[in-house]
């Protein structure tokens, strides 16, 4: 029996691309997200591509990030950026808004939000 993954349940590649696009849309326009927006290049295409590839594998879809870049080592890759609770909260605010726009069950949305919240908390590297 094949296990149905969150990636499949939320609609696969089209839904994930939409999620990532919406996430960066909010990061780009919300004044409350300026702290994390400032950590990114002016052009967000590279960040969008990397987040899409990471989330693809993380949600049980194709391991695109690992195939291209190797192990994600997320905390290590984020060490050059000062990430505290405020930055984590800004990231989650944008992601939570984006998640509300993707068609999926409430249970799956809650599961993904919780898992992403834990991941975002793990990225905190300053008090």
C-alpha atoms as a PDB file:
ATOM      1  CA  UNK A   1       0.000   0.000   0.000  1.00  0.00           C
ATOM      2  CA  UNK A   2       1.312   3.435  -0.925  1.00  0.00           C
ATOM      3  CA  UNK A   3       1.337   6.031   1.827  1.00  0.00           C
ATOM      4  CA  UNK A   4      -0.326   9.308   0.948  1.00  0.00           C
ATOM      5  CA  UNK A   5       2.007  12.143   1.846  1.00  0.00           C
ATOM      6  CA  UNK A   6       1.188  15.718   2.874  1.00  0.00           C
ATOM      7  CA  UNK A   7       2.691  16.739  -0.493  1.00  0.00           C
ATOM      8  CA  UNK A   8       0.098  14.617  -2.311  1.00  0.00           C
ATOM      9  CA  UNK A   9      -2.769  15.565   0.005  1.00  0.00           C
ATOM     10  CA  UNK A  10      -2.223  19.276  -0.516  1.00  0.00           C
ATOM     11  CA  UNK A  11      -2.155  18.961  -4.291  1.00  0.00           C
ATOM     12  CA  UNK A  12       1.435  18.198  -5.270  1.00  0.00           C
ATOM     13  CA  UNK A  13       3.670  20.526  -7.237  1.00  0.00           C
ATOM     14  CA  UNK A  14       1.044  23.102  -8.326  1.00  0.00           C
ATOM     15  CA  UNK A  15      -0.226  23.603  -4.770  1.00  0.00           C
ATOM     16  CA  UNK A  16       3.289  23.783  -3.347  1.00  0.00           C
ATOM     17  CA  UNK A  17       4.379  26.341  -5.953  1.00  0.00           C
ATOM     18  CA  UNK A  18       1.314  28.387  -5.090  1.00  0.00           C
ATOM     19  CA  UNK A  19       2.112  28.142  -1.369  1.00  0.00           C
ATOM     20  CA  UNK A  20       5.673  29.350  -1.896  1.00  0.00           C
ATOM     21  CA  UNK A  21       4.540  32.165  -4.199  1.00  0.00           C
ATOM     22  CA  UNK A  22       1.956  33.321  -1.656  1.00  0.00           C
ATOM     23  CA  UNK A  23       4.479  33.088   1.192  1.00  0.00           C
ATOM     24  CA  UNK A  24       6.934  35.374  -0.589  1.00  0.00           C
ATOM     25  CA  UNK A  25       4.117  37.663  -1.726  1.00  0.00           C
ATOM     26  CA  UNK A  26       3.227  38.273   1.918  1.00  0.00           C
ATOM     27  CA  UNK A  27       6.852  38.631   2.962  1.00  0.00           C
ATOM     28  CA  UNK A  28       7.297  41.225   0.231  1.00  0.00           C
ATOM     29  CA  UNK A  29       4.238  43.364   1.029  1.00  0.00           C
ATOM     30  CA  UNK A  30       3.617  43.143   4.774  1.00  0.00           C
ATOM     31  CA  UNK A  31       5.347  45.850   6.812  1.00  0.00           C
ATOM     32  CA  UNK A  32       5.301  43.441   9.772  1.00  0.00           C
ATOM     33  CA  UNK A  33       7.562  41.080   7.780  1.00  0.00           C
ATOM     34  CA  UNK A  34      10.203  43.700   6.935  1.00  0.00           C
ATOM     35  CA  UNK A  35      12.718  42.098   9.294  1.00  0.00           C
ATOM     36  CA  UNK A  36      12.833  38.837   7.359  1.00  0.00           C
ATOM     37  CA  UNK A  37      12.382  40.541   3.983  1.00  0.00           C
ATOM     38  CA  UNK A  38      15.578  42.473   4.644  1.00  0.00           C
ATOM     39  CA  UNK A  39      17.475  39.175   4.987  1.00  0.00           C
ATOM     40  CA  UNK A  40      16.671  38.294   1.370  1.00  0.00           C
ATOM     41  CA  UNK A  41      18.006  39.508  -1.953  1.00  0.00           C
ATOM     42  CA  UNK A  42      15.946  42.075  -3.820  1.00  0.00           C
ATOM     43  CA  UNK A  43      15.004  39.391  -6.342  1.00  0.00           C
ATOM     44  CA  UNK A  44      13.281  36.531  -4.512  1.00  0.00           C
ATOM     45  CA  UNK A  45      13.449  33.957  -7.319  1.00  0.00           C
ATOM     46  CA  UNK A  46      16.409  32.071  -5.840  1.00  0.00           C
ATOM     47  CA  UNK A  47      14.815  31.926  -2.403  1.00  0.00           C
ATOM     48  CA  UNK A  48      11.511  30.789  -3.913  1.00  0.00           C
ATOM     49  CA  UNK A  49      13.237  28.011  -5.815  1.00  0.00           C
ATOM     50  CA  UNK A  50      15.132  26.754  -2.763  1.00  0.00           C
ATOM     51  CA  UNK A  51      12.086  26.867  -0.476  1.00  0.00           C
ATOM     52  CA  UNK A  52       9.985  25.041  -3.068  1.00  0.00           C
ATOM     53  CA  UNK A  53      12.625  22.343  -3.482  1.00  0.00           C
ATOM     54  CA  UNK A  54      13.102  21.961   0.259  1.00  0.00           C
ATOM     55  CA  UNK A  55       9.376  21.785   1.043  1.00  0.00           C
ATOM     56  CA  UNK A  56       8.835  19.294  -1.767  1.00  0.00           C
ATOM     57  CA  UNK A  57      10.996  16.685  -0.065  1.00  0.00           C
ATOM     58  CA  UNK A  58      10.064  17.745   3.463  1.00  0.00           C
ATOM     59  CA  UNK A  59       6.372  17.192   2.704  1.00  0.00           C
ATOM     60  CA  UNK A  60       6.987  13.776   1.152  1.00  0.00           C
ATOM     61  CA  UNK A  61       7.305  14.719  -2.502  1.00  0.00           C
ATOM     62  CA  UNK A  62      10.387  14.576  -4.717  1.00  0.00           C
ATOM     63  CA  UNK A  63      13.641  15.294  -2.852  1.00  0.00           C
ATOM     64  CA  UNK A  64      14.570  18.134  -5.190  1.00  0.00           C
ATOM     65  CA  UNK A  65      16.657  20.093  -2.690  1.00  0.00           C
ATOM     66  CA  UNK A  66      18.752  17.082  -1.660  1.00  0.00           C
ATOM     67  CA  UNK A  67      19.275  16.097  -5.305  1.00  0.00           C
ATOM     68  CA  UNK A  68      20.626  19.557  -6.130  1.00  0.00           C
ATOM     69  CA  UNK A  69      22.269  20.798  -2.923  1.00  0.00           C
ATOM     70  CA  UNK A  70      22.727  17.783  -0.661  1.00  0.00           C
ATOM     71  CA  UNK A  71      21.458  17.525   2.900  1.00  0.00           C
ATOM     72  CA  UNK A  72      19.464  20.652   3.832  1.00  0.00           C
ATOM     73  CA  UNK A  73      21.412  21.365   7.060  1.00  0.00           C
ATOM     74  CA  UNK A  74      18.846  24.116   7.642  1.00  0.00           C
ATOM     75  CA  UNK A  75      20.161  25.469  10.898  1.00  0.00           C
ATOM     76  CA  UNK A  76      23.717  25.648   9.540  1.00  0.00           C
ATOM     77  CA  UNK A  77      22.560  27.341   6.316  1.00  0.00           C
ATOM     78  CA  UNK A  78      20.672  29.954   8.349  1.00  0.00           C
ATOM     79  CA  UNK A  79      23.503  30.754  10.811  1.00  0.00           C
ATOM     80  CA  UNK A  80      24.676  33.814   8.826  1.00  0.00           C
ATOM     81  CA  UNK A  81      21.289  35.409   9.583  1.00  0.00           C
ATOM     82  CA  UNK A  82      20.269  36.676  13.008  1.00  0.00           C
ATOM     83  CA  UNK A  83      17.067  34.767  13.662  1.00  0.00           C
ATOM     84  CA  UNK A  84      15.285  35.357  16.930  1.00  0.00           C
ATOM     85  CA  UNK A  85      11.713  34.815  18.060  1.00  0.00           C
ATOM     86  CA  UNK A  86      10.584  37.956  16.178  1.00  0.00           C
ATOM     87  CA  UNK A  87      11.995  36.686  12.880  1.00  0.00           C
ATOM     88  CA  UNK A  88      10.505  33.247  13.486  1.00  0.00           C
ATOM     89  CA  UNK A  89       7.133  34.858  14.144  1.00  0.00           C
ATOM     90  CA  UNK A  90       7.369  36.976  10.988  1.00  0.00           C
ATOM     91  CA  UNK A  91       8.197  33.896   8.917  1.00  0.00           C
ATOM     92  CA  UNK A  92       5.297  31.968  10.430  1.00  0.00           C
ATOM     93  CA  UNK A  93       2.902  34.892   9.930  1.00  0.00           C
ATOM     94  CA  UNK A  94       3.649  34.871   6.194  1.00  0.00           C
ATOM     95  CA  UNK A  95       3.508  31.083   5.980  1.00  0.00           C
ATOM     96  CA  UNK A  96       0.250  30.850   7.932  1.00  0.00           C
ATOM     97  CA  UNK A  97      -1.378  33.392   5.625  1.00  0.00           C
ATOM     98  CA  UNK A  98      -0.147  31.476   2.596  1.00  0.00           C
ATOM     99  CA  UNK A  99      -1.388  28.163   4.011  1.00  0.00           C
ATOM    100  CA  UNK A 100      -4.921  29.530   4.377  1.00  0.00           C
ATOM    101  CA  UNK A 101      -5.001  30.054   0.606  1.00  0.00           C
ATOM    102  CA  UNK A 102      -4.131  26.464  -0.303  1.00  0.00           C
ATOM    103  CA  UNK A 103      -6.983  23.992  -0.589  1.00  0.00           C
ATOM    104  CA  UNK A 104      -6.492  21.258   2.022  1.00  0.00           C
ATOM    105  CA  UNK A 105      -8.257  19.744   4.988  1.00  0.00           C
ATOM    106  CA  UNK A 106      -8.204  21.639   8.259  1.00  0.00           C
ATOM    107  CA  UNK A 107      -6.459  18.687   9.883  1.00  0.00           C
ATOM    108  CA  UNK A 108      -3.659  18.702   7.312  1.00  0.00           C
ATOM    109  CA  UNK A 109      -3.314  22.498   7.535  1.00  0.00           C
ATOM    110  CA  UNK A 110      -2.988  22.246  11.324  1.00  0.00           C
ATOM    111  CA  UNK A 111      -0.424  19.442  11.012  1.00  0.00           C
ATOM    112  CA  UNK A 112       1.680  21.379   8.494  1.00  0.00           C
ATOM    113  CA  UNK A 113       1.480  24.599  10.549  1.00  0.00           C
ATOM    114  CA  UNK A 114       2.619  22.793  13.677  1.00  0.00           C
ATOM    115  CA  UNK A 115       5.513  21.075  11.912  1.00  0.00           C
ATOM    116  CA  UNK A 116       6.620  24.309  10.222  1.00  0.00           C
ATOM    117  CA  UNK A 117       6.374  26.109  13.560  1.00  0.00           C
ATOM    118  CA  UNK A 118       8.738  23.581  15.117  1.00  0.00           C
ATOM    119  CA  UNK A 119      11.103  23.922  12.188  1.00  0.00           C
ATOM    120  CA  UNK A 120      11.031  27.731  12.375  1.00  0.00           C
ATOM    121  CA  UNK A 121      11.714  27.615  16.122  1.00  0.00           C
ATOM    122  CA  UNK A 122      14.701  25.359  15.438  1.00  0.00           C
ATOM    123  CA  UNK A 123      16.187  28.124  13.239  1.00  0.00           C
ATOM    124  CA  UNK A 124      16.399  30.582  16.157  1.00  0.00           C
ATOM    125  CA  UNK A 125      20.064  31.389  16.743  1.00  0.00           C
ATOM    126  CA  UNK A 126      19.901  34.597  18.845  1.00  0.00           C
ATOM    127  CA  UNK A 127      17.965  35.511  21.963  1.00  0.00           C
END
